[in-house]
Amino acid sequence: MSLEGGALGGPVIVLLGYVIGGRLGIVWSDPLLLALLGLPILVAAPFLLLPRRRADAVRFIVGSLLGIAILVVVVVGGISLVASMLSDPA
């Protein structure tokens, strides 16, 4: 568990949770999608109880939050870019 591992692993864990939930037939509402963003924290939470792994778990959580924030910015920015290109009459 490291900052880099969290930055890469956090968005992957969220994506895997979404895919697995879809396979299980979960109907995704807005609150469930927001709760899904907290999934990497739940994955790292058991390691917070171990004194020797606590710092690693905190680094993983911070990295995953940064990775998810970057992913959200890229996705929202990409959607906004495509929408602006499609709506431009010129």
Protein backbone atom coordinates (compact mmCIF):
# COMPACT_ATOMS: atom_id res chain seq x y z
CA MET A 1 0.00 0.00 0.00
CA SER A 2 1.42 3.32 -1.06
CA LEU A 3 0.37 6.69 -2.38
CA GLU A 4 0.99 5.59 -5.97
CA GLY A 5 -0.83 2.32 -5.40
CA GLY A 6 -3.81 4.20 -4.06
CA ALA A 7 -3.81 6.65 -6.95
CA LEU A 8 -3.99 3.77 -9.39
CA GLY A 9 -5.89 1.28 -7.27
CA GLY A 10 -8.60 3.60 -5.96
CA PRO A 11 -10.28 4.27 -9.32
CA VAL A 12 -9.83 0.61 -10.30
CA ILE A 13 -11.57 -0.53 -7.11
CA VAL A 14 -14.45 1.87 -7.81
CA LEU A 15 -14.73 0.62 -11.40
CA LEU A 16 -14.63 -3.02 -10.30
CA GLY A 17 -17.30 -2.32 -7.68
CA TYR A 18 -19.50 -0.77 -10.35
CA VAL A 19 -19.03 -3.69 -12.76
CA ILE A 20 -19.58 -6.33 -10.07
CA GLY A 21 -22.65 -4.47 -8.80
CA GLY A 22 -24.03 -4.33 -12.33
CA ARG A 23 -23.50 -8.07 -12.74
CA LEU A 24 -25.35 -8.65 -9.47
CA GLY A 25 -28.31 -6.63 -10.75
CA ILE A 26 -27.93 -3.59 -8.52
CA VAL A 27 -29.90 -0.60 -9.76
CA TRP A 28 -27.54 2.36 -9.39
CA SER A 29 -29.10 5.45 -7.87
CA ASP A 30 -27.25 8.68 -7.13
CA PRO A 31 -26.67 7.89 -3.42
CA LEU A 32 -25.33 4.45 -4.31
CA LEU A 33 -22.92 5.92 -6.85
CA LEU A 34 -21.66 8.39 -4.26
CA ALA A 35 -21.27 5.58 -1.73
CA LEU A 36 -19.30 3.64 -4.33
CA LEU A 37 -16.64 6.37 -4.22
CA GLY A 38 -15.94 5.37 -0.61
CA LEU A 39 -15.20 1.75 -1.50
CA PRO A 40 -11.38 2.16 -1.48
CA ILE A 41 -11.60 3.50 2.07
CA LEU A 42 -13.54 0.39 3.10
CA VAL A 43 -10.89 -1.79 1.47
CA ALA A 44 -8.09 -0.07 3.42
CA ALA A 45 -10.03 0.24 6.71
CA PRO A 46 -8.97 -3.13 8.19
CA PHE A 47 -5.32 -2.13 7.80
CA LEU A 48 -5.95 0.96 9.94
CA LEU A 49 -6.36 -1.38 12.90
CA LEU A 50 -2.84 -2.77 12.52
CA PRO A 51 -0.28 -0.39 14.04
CA ARG A 52 2.50 -1.43 11.67
CA ARG A 53 0.35 -0.93 8.55
CA ARG A 54 -1.55 2.19 9.61
CA ALA A 55 0.72 4.67 7.79
CA ASP A 56 0.54 2.58 4.61
CA ALA A 57 -3.24 2.46 4.82
CA VAL A 58 -3.46 6.24 5.25
CA ARG A 59 -1.17 6.74 2.24
CA PHE A 60 -3.34 4.37 0.20
CA ILE A 61 -6.53 6.22 1.21
CA VAL A 62 -5.04 9.63 0.34
CA GLY A 63 -3.74 8.30 -2.98
CA SER A 64 -7.08 6.74 -3.84
CA LEU A 65 -8.93 9.97 -3.06
CA LEU A 66 -6.52 11.89 -5.30
CA GLY A 67 -6.87 9.31 -8.06
CA ILE A 68 -10.65 9.38 -7.88
CA ALA A 69 -10.66 13.20 -7.92
CA ILE A 70 -8.46 13.22 -11.03
CA LEU A 71 -10.66 10.61 -12.68
CA VAL A 72 -13.82 12.62 -11.95
CA VAL A 73 -12.24 15.79 -13.36
CA VAL A 74 -11.16 13.99 -16.54
CA VAL A 75 -14.56 12.34 -17.06
CA VAL A 76 -16.60 15.48 -16.37
CA GLY A 77 -14.21 17.56 -18.48
CA GLY A 78 -14.42 15.07 -21.34
CA ILE A 79 -18.20 15.01 -21.24
CA SER A 80 -18.31 18.82 -21.16
CA LEU A 81 -15.90 19.00 -24.09
CA VAL A 82 -17.94 16.59 -26.20
CA ALA A 83 -21.18 18.40 -25.29
CA SER A 84 -19.72 21.77 -26.25
CA MET A 85 -18.43 20.41 -29.57
CA LEU A 86 -21.81 18.89 -30.40
CA SER A 87 -23.78 22.01 -29.48
CA ASP A 88 -21.56 24.49 -31.35
CA PRO A 89 -23.33 25.49 -34.58
CA ALA A 90 -20.12 26.62 -36.28
